Amino acid sequence: MSGKRSFPLLGGRAEGDEMDAIVKQIALKLDNLGIGYFVDSSGKLLVPLPNNFDCLSIGALKNDNSDTILEMVQAGWHTHGDLLNGSEVDEADAIVSFIEDILDGEILLIEEYVPGEQPRKFVEDDLELYLRNLPAGAEYKIYNK
């Protein structure tokens, strides 16, 4: 962690029966790191992203097995906890590491502006690759660097 966080930390609360077990684990880890979040009425964690980019919602979907999903509240972006999980860490640690990387600017929050289109938001770990695929005439803004 490089400490480049750009917003005030909020008080979290890792409690309540409405929270799924893995969401509670994530909340406790965020508490220990001093990373702020809110808990919504459905038990999802809401982590404000830097410079009002969006809010990251973390919750567990229930079906035959538990599926942890991370999604931006306003943008259409999402991923699943198991996709972040490396072989060396558990899913909760992988999700918390992902959040830390966003807050530290290792994973970039980008808003793209293409003339005549609505702005689009991206979560990217490779700026060079992103720029190679940037549409002609488009502009972009990085929210967490």
Foldseek 3Di string as FASTA:
>chain_A
DQPLFADDAADEDLDDPLADPLQSVLRVVCVVVSHHWYADPNGWTWGQAFPNLFIWTWGWDDDPDTWIKIDGPPAGDIDTLVVQDDPVDDSSVSVNVVVVCRRQVQWWWKWKDAPPDDIHIDTGNDVVVVVVPRDPRMDMDTRRD
